[in-house]
N, C-alpha and C. Protein backbone atom coordinates (compact mmCIF):
# COMPACT_ATOMS: atom_id res chain seq x y z
N MET A 1 0.82 -1.17 0.00
CA MET A 1 0.00 0.00 0.00
C MET A 1 0.88 1.25 0.00
N ALA A 2 0.38 2.33 -0.55
CA ALA A 2 1.14 3.58 -0.64
C ALA A 2 1.13 4.30 0.70
N GLU A 3 2.18 5.05 0.92
CA GLU A 3 2.30 5.82 2.16
C GLU A 3 1.43 7.07 2.05
N ILE A 4 0.77 7.41 3.12
CA ILE A 4 -0.07 8.61 3.14
C ILE A 4 0.85 9.82 3.32
N VAL A 5 0.65 10.84 2.46
CA VAL A 5 1.51 12.01 2.46
C VAL A 5 0.65 13.25 2.67
N ASN A 6 1.09 14.09 3.59
CA ASN A 6 0.44 15.38 3.79
C ASN A 6 0.94 16.32 2.69
N LEU A 7 0.04 16.78 1.84
CA LEU A 7 0.43 17.57 0.67
C LEU A 7 1.06 18.91 1.05
N LYS A 8 0.56 19.53 2.12
CA LYS A 8 1.14 20.82 2.56
C LYS A 8 2.59 20.62 2.98
N ARG A 9 2.85 19.57 3.75
CA ARG A 9 4.22 19.31 4.20
C ARG A 9 5.14 18.98 3.02
N GLU A 10 4.62 18.19 2.09
CA GLU A 10 5.42 17.81 0.93
C GLU A 10 5.75 19.04 0.07
N LYS A 11 4.79 19.93 -0.09
CA LYS A 11 5.03 21.16 -0.86
C LYS A 11 6.09 22.03 -0.18
N LYS A 12 6.00 22.16 1.14
CA LYS A 12 6.99 22.94 1.89
C LYS A 12 8.37 22.28 1.83
N ARG A 13 8.42 20.96 1.92
CA ARG A 13 9.68 20.25 1.86
C ARG A 13 10.36 20.46 0.51
N ARG A 14 9.59 20.37 -0.55
CA ARG A 14 10.15 20.59 -1.88
C ARG A 14 10.61 22.04 -2.05
N ALA A 15 9.85 23.00 -1.51
CA ALA A 15 10.25 24.42 -1.61
C ALA A 15 11.56 24.66 -0.88
N ARG A 16 11.74 24.05 0.30
CA ARG A 16 12.98 24.19 1.05
C ARG A 16 14.14 23.57 0.28
N ALA A 17 13.91 22.42 -0.33
CA ALA A 17 14.97 21.75 -1.09
C ALA A 17 15.36 22.60 -2.30
N ASP A 18 14.37 23.18 -2.98
CA ASP A 18 14.66 24.04 -4.13
C ASP A 18 15.43 25.28 -3.70
N ALA A 19 15.04 25.86 -2.57
CA ALA A 19 15.73 27.06 -2.07
C ALA A 19 17.17 26.72 -1.68
N ALA A 20 17.38 25.57 -1.09
CA ALA A 20 18.73 25.16 -0.71
C ALA A 20 19.59 24.94 -1.96
N GLN A 21 19.02 24.36 -2.99
CA GLN A 21 19.75 24.15 -4.24
C GLN A 21 20.12 25.47 -4.88
N LEU A 22 19.19 26.43 -4.91
CA LEU A 22 19.45 27.75 -5.48
C LEU A 22 20.52 28.48 -4.67
N ALA A 23 20.49 28.36 -3.35
CA ALA A 23 21.49 29.00 -2.50
C ALA A 23 22.87 28.42 -2.78
N ALA A 24 22.96 27.13 -2.97
CA ALA A 24 24.24 26.49 -3.27
C ALA A 24 24.78 26.99 -4.61
N GLU A 25 23.92 27.11 -5.60
CA GLU A 25 24.35 27.61 -6.91
C GLU A 25 24.82 29.06 -6.80
N ASN A 26 24.11 29.88 -6.02
CA ASN A 26 24.48 31.29 -5.86
C ASN A 26 25.80 31.44 -5.11
N ARG A 27 26.06 30.57 -4.15
CA ARG A 27 27.33 30.64 -3.43
C ARG A 27 28.49 30.39 -4.39
N VAL A 28 28.31 29.46 -5.30
CA VAL A 28 29.36 29.17 -6.27
C VAL A 28 29.50 30.32 -7.26
N ARG A 29 28.37 30.85 -7.71
CA ARG A 29 28.38 31.87 -8.75
C ARG A 29 28.84 33.22 -8.24
N PHE A 30 28.36 33.64 -7.06
CA PHE A 30 28.60 35.01 -6.58
C PHE A 30 29.56 35.10 -5.40
N GLY A 31 29.90 34.01 -4.80
CA GLY A 31 30.76 34.03 -3.62
C GLY A 31 32.16 34.48 -3.96
N ARG A 32 32.76 35.23 -3.07
CA ARG A 32 34.13 35.70 -3.27
C ARG A 32 34.93 35.35 -2.03
N THR A 33 36.20 35.09 -2.24
CA THR A 33 37.06 34.75 -1.12
C THR A 33 37.45 36.02 -0.37
N LYS A 34 37.98 35.85 0.82
CA LYS A 34 38.43 36.98 1.62
C LYS A 34 39.55 37.73 0.91
N GLY A 35 40.42 37.00 0.25
CA GLY A 35 41.53 37.61 -0.49
C GLY A 35 41.03 38.50 -1.62
N GLU A 36 40.00 38.03 -2.34
CA GLU A 36 39.44 38.83 -3.43
C GLU A 36 38.82 40.12 -2.90
N LYS A 37 38.12 40.01 -1.78
CA LYS A 37 37.51 41.21 -1.18
C LYS A 37 38.59 42.19 -0.73
N LEU A 38 39.69 41.67 -0.17
CA LEU A 38 40.78 42.51 0.29
C LEU A 38 41.43 43.24 -0.87
N VAL A 39 41.66 42.55 -1.97
CA VAL A 39 42.26 43.17 -3.16
C VAL A 39 41.36 44.28 -3.68
N ASP A 40 40.06 44.05 -3.72
CA ASP A 40 39.12 45.08 -4.18
C ASP A 40 39.12 46.29 -3.26
N ALA A 41 39.19 46.06 -1.95
CA ALA A 41 39.21 47.17 -0.99
C ALA A 41 40.47 48.00 -1.16
N GLN A 42 41.59 47.34 -1.36
CA GLN A 42 42.85 48.05 -1.56
C GLN A 42 42.82 48.86 -2.85
N ALA A 43 42.24 48.32 -3.89
CA ALA A 43 42.15 49.04 -5.16
C ALA A 43 41.24 50.25 -5.02
N ARG A 44 40.14 50.09 -4.30
CA ARG A 44 39.21 51.21 -4.08
C ARG A 44 39.89 52.32 -3.28
N GLU A 45 40.66 51.95 -2.25
CA GLU A 45 41.37 52.94 -1.44
C GLU A 45 42.44 53.67 -2.28
N ARG A 46 43.15 52.92 -3.11
CA ARG A 46 44.16 53.51 -3.98
C ARG A 46 43.52 54.50 -4.96
N ASP A 47 42.37 54.16 -5.50
CA ASP A 47 41.68 55.05 -6.42
C ASP A 47 41.20 56.32 -5.72
N GLU A 48 40.75 56.19 -4.47
CA GLU A 48 40.30 57.37 -3.72
C GLU A 48 41.47 58.32 -3.47
N VAL A 49 42.64 57.78 -3.15
CA VAL A 49 43.82 58.60 -2.90
C VAL A 49 44.22 59.33 -4.18
N ARG A 50 44.23 58.63 -5.30
CA ARG A 50 44.58 59.26 -6.57
C ARG A 50 43.59 60.36 -6.93
N HIS A 51 42.34 60.14 -6.65
CA HIS A 51 41.33 61.15 -6.94
C HIS A 51 41.54 62.38 -6.06
N ALA A 52 41.83 62.16 -4.78
CA ALA A 52 42.05 63.27 -3.84
C ALA A 52 43.30 64.06 -4.21
N GLN A 53 44.29 63.42 -4.77
CA GLN A 53 45.52 64.11 -5.16
C GLN A 53 45.27 65.07 -6.32
N GLY A 54 44.27 64.82 -7.11
CA GLY A 54 44.00 65.66 -8.26
C GLY A 54 43.14 66.87 -7.95
N LYS A 55 42.64 66.98 -6.72
CA LYS A 55 41.78 68.11 -6.37
C LYS A 55 42.61 69.38 -6.20
N LEU A 56 42.03 70.47 -6.63
CA LEU A 56 42.69 71.77 -6.48
C LEU A 56 42.19 72.45 -5.22
N GLU A 57 43.08 73.16 -4.55
CA GLU A 57 42.70 73.91 -3.36
C GLU A 57 42.37 75.33 -3.77
N LEU A 58 41.34 75.88 -3.12
CA LEU A 58 40.96 77.27 -3.39
C LEU A 58 41.93 78.21 -2.68
N PRO A 59 42.19 79.37 -3.27
CA PRO A 59 43.03 80.37 -2.59
C PRO A 59 42.33 80.84 -1.30
N PRO A 60 43.10 81.34 -0.35
CA PRO A 60 42.50 81.73 0.95
C PRO A 60 41.39 82.78 0.82
N LEU A 61 41.44 83.65 -0.18
CA LEU A 61 40.43 84.68 -0.32
C LEU A 61 39.07 84.10 -0.70
N LEU A 62 39.05 83.01 -1.39
CA LEU A 62 37.78 82.45 -1.86
C LEU A 62 37.18 81.47 -0.87
N LYS A 63 37.93 81.08 0.14
CA LYS A 63 37.40 80.18 1.15
C LYS A 63 36.56 80.95 2.14
N GLU A 64 35.39 80.56 2.35
CA GLU A 64 34.53 81.18 3.37
C GLU A 64 33.37 80.34 3.69
């Protein structure tokens, strides 16, 4: 004889399994290592410094 299955529970179980599968795929696709994040942070900081070096200062008379 077939096992009796609660359809609500089965639907929720399948939804959780699908969500777990999608999460695993996203971790592979979008996940970055700590080293990659560190390299990006250093590059962003270097770019900010270069940008700040190019700014012109106003003469004292125009500052107010």
